[in-house]
Protein backbone atom coordinates (compact mmCIF):
# COMPACT_ATOMS: atom_id res chain seq x y z
CA MET A 1 11.82 27.20 -4.91
CA ASN A 2 13.30 25.62 -7.99
CA SER A 3 11.52 22.70 -9.59
CA ARG A 4 13.57 20.03 -7.83
CA GLU A 5 12.87 21.54 -4.41
CA ARG A 6 9.19 21.96 -5.28
CA VAL A 7 8.71 18.38 -6.50
CA THR A 8 10.71 16.77 -3.71
CA GLY A 9 8.95 18.83 -1.07
CA ALA A 10 5.46 18.33 -2.45
CA LEU A 11 5.73 14.56 -2.85
CA GLY A 12 7.20 14.34 0.63
CA GLY A 13 4.18 16.09 2.14
CA GLN A 14 5.82 19.44 2.80
CA LYS A 15 4.25 22.81 2.10
CA VAL A 16 5.58 24.29 -1.13
CA ASP A 17 5.21 27.62 -2.92
CA ARG A 18 2.84 26.09 -5.51
CA VAL A 19 1.67 22.68 -6.66
CA PRO A 20 4.25 21.21 -9.07
CA PHE A 21 2.95 20.54 -12.57
CA ALA A 22 4.07 18.34 -15.46
CA VAL A 23 2.82 16.77 -18.66
CA TRP A 24 4.66 14.63 -21.20
CA ARG A 25 3.95 13.60 -24.77
CA HIS A 26 5.50 11.91 -27.78
CA PHE A 27 7.15 14.02 -30.44
CA TYR A 28 6.76 12.31 -33.79
CA PRO A 29 9.04 11.97 -35.71
CA ASP A 30 11.61 13.88 -33.60
CA GLU A 31 11.92 10.86 -31.31
CA ASN A 32 13.43 8.92 -34.21
CA GLU A 33 15.90 11.59 -35.34
CA GLY A 34 18.62 11.09 -32.77
CA ALA A 35 19.36 12.07 -29.20
CA ALA A 36 20.16 15.71 -29.92
CA LYS A 37 16.88 16.36 -31.74
CA LEU A 38 14.65 14.78 -29.11
CA ALA A 39 16.57 16.49 -26.31
CA GLU A 40 16.19 19.86 -28.03
CA THR A 41 12.44 19.36 -28.48
CA THR A 42 12.01 18.15 -24.90
CA ILE A 43 13.87 21.16 -23.51
CA ALA A 44 11.78 23.58 -25.58
CA PHE A 45 8.51 21.93 -24.47
CA THR A 46 9.58 22.02 -20.81
CA LYS A 47 10.47 25.71 -20.97
CA ARG A 48 7.38 26.64 -23.00
CA HIS A 49 5.00 25.19 -20.38
CA GLN A 50 7.12 25.82 -17.26
CA LEU A 51 7.06 22.16 -16.30
CA ASP A 52 8.40 20.99 -12.95
CA LEU A 53 9.24 17.42 -14.00
CA ILE A 54 10.64 16.00 -17.21
CA LYS A 55 9.60 12.47 -18.11
CA TYR A 56 12.02 11.86 -20.94
CA ASN A 57 9.81 10.25 -23.58
CA PRO A 58 11.81 8.27 -26.16
CA ARG A 59 10.15 6.20 -28.86
CA ALA A 60 8.32 3.39 -27.08
CA HIS A 61 9.87 0.69 -29.22
CA TYR A 62 13.40 1.55 -28.08
CA HIS A 63 12.71 -1.15 -25.48
CA ALA A 64 12.58 -3.89 -28.11
CA GLU A 65 14.96 -2.70 -30.83
CA PRO A 66 18.00 -4.52 -29.39
CA TRP A 67 16.24 -7.87 -29.98
CA GLY A 68 15.04 -7.09 -33.50
CA THR A 69 11.58 -5.51 -33.31
CA ARG A 70 11.36 -2.93 -36.09
CA TYR A 71 9.10 0.06 -36.68
CA ARG A 72 9.07 2.68 -39.41
CA TYR A 73 7.60 6.16 -39.32
CA GLY A 74 4.68 6.59 -41.70
CA LYS A 75 3.61 9.57 -43.77
CA ASP A 76 1.71 10.98 -40.80
CA GLY A 77 4.86 10.80 -38.69
CA HIS A 78 3.57 8.03 -36.40
CA PRO A 79 5.48 4.77 -35.85
CA VAL A 80 4.17 1.73 -37.70
CA LEU A 81 5.14 -1.84 -36.80
CA GLU A 82 7.19 -3.66 -39.45
CA ARG A 83 7.93 -6.86 -37.55
CA TYR A 84 8.12 -8.23 -34.04
CA ALA A 85 11.25 -9.94 -32.78
CA VAL A 86 9.15 -12.88 -31.53
CA ARG A 87 6.72 -14.35 -34.05
CA LYS A 88 6.40 -17.95 -32.84
CA PRO A 89 6.92 -19.67 -29.47
CA GLU A 90 10.36 -20.94 -30.44
CA ASP A 91 11.59 -17.35 -30.85
CA TRP A 92 11.51 -16.70 -27.10
CA ALA A 93 14.73 -18.71 -26.81
CA ARG A 94 16.51 -15.93 -28.73
CA ILE A 95 15.67 -13.28 -26.12
CA GLY A 96 18.88 -13.09 -24.11
CA ARG A 97 20.34 -10.39 -21.92
CA LYS A 98 21.54 -7.24 -23.72
CA SER A 99 24.18 -4.67 -22.77
CA VAL A 100 23.66 -0.97 -22.17
CA ARG A 101 26.01 -0.51 -25.13
CA GLU A 102 23.12 -1.26 -27.50
CA PRO A 103 22.57 1.78 -29.79
CA ALA A 104 18.97 2.34 -28.65
CA PHE A 105 20.05 2.43 -25.01
CA GLN A 106 23.01 4.71 -25.72
CA GLU A 107 20.69 7.10 -27.55
CA LEU A 108 18.42 7.26 -24.49
CA LEU A 109 21.35 7.98 -22.18
CA SER A 110 22.81 10.61 -24.50
CA GLY A 111 19.50 12.43 -24.79
CA MET A 112 19.02 12.58 -21.04
CA ARG A 113 22.57 13.82 -20.55
CA LEU A 114 21.86 16.72 -22.93
CA VAL A 115 18.62 17.60 -21.12
CA ARG A 116 20.31 17.49 -17.73
CA GLU A 117 23.06 19.85 -18.93
CA ILE A 118 20.55 22.52 -19.98
CA LEU A 119 17.95 22.04 -17.22
CA PRO A 120 19.94 20.94 -14.16
CA ASP A 121 17.32 22.10 -11.62
CA THR A 122 14.34 20.30 -13.20
CA PRO A 123 13.86 16.71 -12.04
CA LEU A 124 14.36 14.23 -14.88
CA VAL A 125 13.10 10.65 -15.02
CA ALA A 126 13.84 7.94 -17.57
CA THR A 127 10.98 6.01 -19.17
CA ILE A 128 11.34 2.24 -18.75
CA PHE A 129 8.55 -0.26 -19.32
CA THR A 130 8.12 -3.18 -16.96
CA PRO A 131 9.49 -6.48 -18.29
CA LEU A 132 6.00 -7.60 -19.32
CA GLY A 133 5.61 -4.29 -21.16
CA VAL A 134 8.89 -4.94 -22.97
CA LEU A 135 7.72 -8.43 -23.94
CA GLU A 136 4.62 -6.84 -25.46
CA ARG A 137 6.92 -4.79 -27.71
CA LEU A 138 8.80 -7.94 -28.62
CA ALA A 139 5.79 -10.07 -29.57
CA GLY A 140 2.47 -8.23 -29.16
CA ALA A 141 0.11 -8.60 -26.23
CA GLU A 142 -1.89 -11.46 -27.72
CA ARG A 143 1.16 -13.69 -28.19
CA VAL A 144 2.58 -12.81 -24.77
CA LEU A 145 -0.69 -13.79 -23.08
CA ALA A 146 -1.03 -17.03 -25.02
CA ASP A 147 2.59 -18.08 -24.54
CA LEU A 148 2.66 -17.18 -20.85
CA ARG A 149 0.07 -19.89 -20.37
CA ALA A 150 1.12 -22.42 -23.01
CA HIS A 151 4.93 -21.99 -23.05
CA THR A 152 5.52 -20.64 -19.57
CA ASP A 153 9.15 -21.69 -19.14
CA ALA A 154 10.22 -20.09 -22.41
CA VAL A 155 8.50 -16.79 -21.60
CA VAL A 156 9.85 -16.76 -18.03
CA ALA A 157 13.38 -17.16 -19.38
CA ALA A 158 12.79 -14.14 -21.61
CA LEU A 159 11.35 -12.17 -18.68
CA ASP A 160 14.48 -12.96 -16.71
CA ALA A 161 16.77 -11.71 -19.50
CA VAL A 162 14.72 -8.57 -20.02
CA ALA A 163 14.61 -7.78 -16.30
CA GLU A 164 18.39 -8.10 -16.02
CA THR A 165 18.87 -5.94 -19.12
CA PHE A 166 16.68 -3.13 -17.84
CA ALA A 167 18.01 -3.28 -14.29
CA GLU A 168 21.42 -2.53 -15.78
CA LEU A 169 19.96 0.22 -17.94
CA ALA A 170 18.16 1.72 -14.93
CA ALA A 171 21.48 1.91 -13.09
CA ALA A 172 23.00 3.71 -16.07
CA CYS A 173 20.05 6.11 -16.34
CA ILE A 174 20.37 7.41 -12.81
CA GLU A 175 23.83 8.75 -13.61
CA TYR A 176 21.91 11.51 -15.43
CA ALA A 177 18.35 11.24 -14.15
CA ASP A 178 16.72 11.61 -10.73
CA GLY A 179 15.04 8.23 -11.14
CA ILE A 180 13.14 5.98 -13.49
CA PHE A 181 9.50 6.12 -14.53
CA LEU A 182 8.50 2.44 -14.55
CA ALA A 183 5.37 1.99 -16.67
CA THR A 184 3.20 -1.13 -16.50
CA THR A 185 1.44 -0.54 -19.87
CA VAL A 186 -1.62 -2.85 -20.04
CA TRP A 187 -0.26 -5.55 -17.74
CA ALA A 188 -1.32 -4.27 -14.31
CA ARG A 189 -4.95 -3.91 -15.35
CA ARG A 190 -7.27 -6.33 -13.55
CA ASP A 191 -8.76 -7.43 -16.87
CA THR A 192 -5.38 -8.48 -18.33
CA LEU A 193 -3.93 -10.82 -15.70
CA ASP A 194 -5.40 -12.09 -12.47
CA GLU A 195 -3.79 -11.21 -9.15
CA GLY A 196 -1.74 -14.38 -8.91
CA GLU A 197 -0.49 -14.09 -12.49
CA TYR A 198 0.60 -10.51 -11.97
CA ARG A 199 2.40 -11.40 -8.76
CA ARG A 200 4.25 -14.19 -10.55
CA PHE A 201 4.96 -12.66 -13.95
CA GLY A 202 4.79 -8.95 -13.11
CA THR A 203 5.82 -7.92 -9.62
CA GLU A 204 8.83 -10.22 -9.30
CA TYR A 205 10.41 -8.75 -12.43
CA ASP A 206 9.25 -5.16 -11.87
CA LEU A 207 11.11 -5.11 -8.57
CA ARG A 208 14.29 -6.35 -10.21
CA VAL A 209 14.26 -3.38 -12.59
CA LEU A 210 13.60 -0.97 -9.73
CA ALA A 211 16.52 -2.51 -7.84
CA GLY A 212 18.77 -1.26 -10.63
CA ALA A 213 17.75 2.30 -9.74
CA ARG A 214 18.03 1.74 -5.99
CA GLY A 215 19.03 4.92 -4.19
CA ALA A 216 17.59 7.31 -6.78
CA ALA A 217 15.58 10.14 -5.23
CA LEU A 218 12.62 10.05 -7.61
CA ASN A 219 11.68 6.60 -8.84
CA ILE A 220 8.04 6.61 -10.02
CA LEU A 221 5.64 3.76 -10.74
CA HIS A 222 3.12 4.45 -13.49
CA VAL A 223 0.10 2.10 -13.43
CA CYS A 224 -1.57 2.43 -16.82
CA GLY A 225 -5.17 2.37 -17.92
CA PRO A 226 -8.55 1.69 -16.29
CA ARG A 227 -9.14 -1.00 -13.65
CA ALA A 228 -5.49 -0.61 -12.67
CA ARG A 229 -3.79 -2.08 -9.61
CA VAL A 230 -2.85 1.35 -8.31
CA VAL A 231 -3.11 0.89 -4.54
CA GLU A 232 -2.05 -2.77 -4.71
CA LEU A 233 1.31 -1.91 -6.31
CA ALA A 234 1.99 1.21 -4.26
CA HIS A 235 4.20 -0.83 -1.94
CA TYR A 236 6.89 -0.81 -4.63
CA PRO A 237 10.02 1.11 -3.52
CA VAL A 238 9.15 4.38 -5.26
CA ALA A 239 8.66 7.99 -4.22
CA ALA A 240 5.33 8.34 -6.02
CA VAL A 241 2.69 6.55 -8.07
CA SER A 242 1.36 7.94 -11.35
CA TRP A 243 -2.03 6.88 -12.75
CA ASN A 244 -5.20 8.26 -14.29
CA PRO A 245 -7.72 8.83 -11.47
CA ARG A 246 -10.43 9.65 -14.00
CA LEU A 247 -10.62 6.23 -15.65
CA ALA A 248 -13.06 3.46 -14.73
CA GLU A 249 -12.50 1.65 -11.43
CA ASN A 250 -9.38 3.63 -10.55
CA PRO A 251 -9.03 5.37 -7.17
CA ASP A 252 -9.39 9.13 -7.20
CA LEU A 253 -6.65 11.28 -5.70
CA ALA A 254 -8.29 11.52 -2.28
CA ALA A 255 -8.81 7.76 -2.02
CA PHE A 256 -5.21 7.03 -2.95
CA LEU A 257 -3.74 9.54 -0.52
CA ALA A 258 -5.88 8.13 2.29
CA ALA A 259 -4.98 4.51 1.47
CA VAL A 260 -1.26 5.05 0.81
CA PRO A 261 0.18 7.57 3.29
CA SER A 262 3.79 6.83 2.39
CA ARG A 263 3.72 7.69 -1.34
CA GLY A 264 3.13 10.81 -3.39
CA ALA A 265 0.45 10.97 -6.09
CA ILE A 266 1.02 12.03 -9.70
CA GLY A 267 -1.89 12.73 -12.04
CA GLY A 268 -5.30 14.36 -11.96
CA PHE A 269 -5.99 15.71 -15.45
CA SER A 270 -7.90 13.84 -18.14
CA ASP A 271 -6.90 13.77 -21.80
CA GLU A 272 -10.17 15.55 -22.53
CA ALA A 273 -9.03 18.53 -20.45
CA PHE A 274 -6.11 19.08 -22.80
CA LEU A 275 -8.09 18.41 -25.99
CA ALA A 276 -11.20 20.50 -25.28
CA SER A 277 -11.95 23.55 -27.41
CA THR A 278 -11.70 25.80 -24.35
CA PRO A 279 -9.67 25.61 -21.11
CA ALA A 280 -12.81 25.39 -18.95
CA LEU A 281 -12.51 21.65 -18.26
CA ALA A 282 -8.83 21.92 -17.34
CA LYS A 283 -9.65 24.65 -14.85
CA ARG A 284 -12.55 22.68 -13.39
CA GLU A 285 -10.42 19.55 -12.96
CA ALA A 286 -7.68 21.61 -11.29
CA ARG A 287 -10.17 22.94 -8.73
CA ASP A 288 -11.49 19.44 -8.07
CA ASP A 289 -7.98 18.01 -7.69
CA LEU A 290 -6.96 20.79 -5.29
CA ALA A 291 -10.01 20.07 -3.14
CA GLN A 292 -9.16 16.35 -3.03
CA THR A 293 -5.49 16.76 -2.16
CA GLY A 294 -5.29 19.98 -0.18
CA ALA A 295 -2.26 20.65 -2.40
CA ARG A 296 -0.18 18.11 -0.43
CA ARG A 297 1.68 14.94 -1.54
CA TRP A 298 0.65 15.66 -5.11
CA LEU A 299 2.23 16.52 -8.44
CA ALA A 300 -0.45 17.63 -10.90
CA ALA A 301 -0.08 15.91 -14.25
CA GLY A 302 -1.84 14.12 -17.06
CA GLY A 303 -2.99 10.58 -16.47
CA CYS A 304 -0.43 9.23 -18.95
CA THR A 305 1.31 10.52 -22.08
CA ILE A 306 -0.99 13.32 -23.23
CA PRO A 307 -2.33 13.39 -26.80
CA ILE A 308 -0.01 14.94 -29.36
CA ASP A 309 -2.81 17.31 -30.39
CA SER A 310 -3.29 18.67 -26.87
CA ARG A 311 -3.95 22.42 -26.96
CA PRO A 312 -1.04 24.46 -25.55
CA GLU A 313 -3.45 26.99 -24.04
CA ASN A 314 -5.20 24.21 -22.12
CA ILE A 315 -1.89 22.95 -20.73
CA ASP A 316 -1.05 26.45 -19.54
CA ALA A 317 -4.54 26.93 -18.12
CA ALA A 318 -4.23 23.71 -16.12
CA ARG A 319 -0.96 24.89 -14.62
CA GLY A 320 -2.30 28.37 -13.95
CA ALA A 321 -5.43 27.13 -12.21
CA LEU A 322 -3.34 25.33 -9.61
CA SER A 323 -2.29 28.69 -8.19
CA GLY A 324 -5.85 29.81 -7.59
């Protein structure tokens, strides 16, 4: 099997030659040095670790650059916020719909096109934050929360513009990618918004972005963090749900697969497994995950973007342990 056959088969509940495996990480500062550089680094990482899925990981703030949020890369190579696009409630009125012709969006599309040309048989998904996640990059979580409650109409208008923008971008992405990887960031945690708030300000707009990628074979929902609404949001029109089963109050793999028979599961490894001084934890987690899943409807992966200082030998050990 090639990687596309393996991933599609596994997530669909079919027996495959081995459990598919993937991890993804940020590459600082390569992510800020143009499409060709990030594509080259992504391709090399995928080949080095024999990954079965590529989550194309651009700089997170690409989502907000078209509206004026600015970051710089510090001496340690990490991005540092310079200014948000929204700094007071009145600024939400300036958040209008943007075109896919924006430079940040064109860079994303160009990078994925380059990856697809070199690795045509490896499934590729485009990273897109949910509209609430984009608003966080525009204003910061604290302001978004405060203004959602105090200036609701203004924030809802911005959510509408952002959802339309990223629905159009999602449609453009699937010209090169197998689907989108829709990430909730902090917003689908039970300790961020209550159920009614997430239904009103989250789900309605999430689904509009996913509609832009309608028909793609491999749309994925990523529900971030602990206390996450993993099972509750699994009804979204996606092939699989990605989350960290090893964080507090999250379902483990077995519980998810039992509760959600129509979706594949992505995840299983903790950050600690990739950071540990030996591969022992990665191997132990692989054995536990295999026992929970029976190697069906599952793509083994990290719980989110793995730490940039993850040990390459631990990544390879995790993949190797899935084959027994």
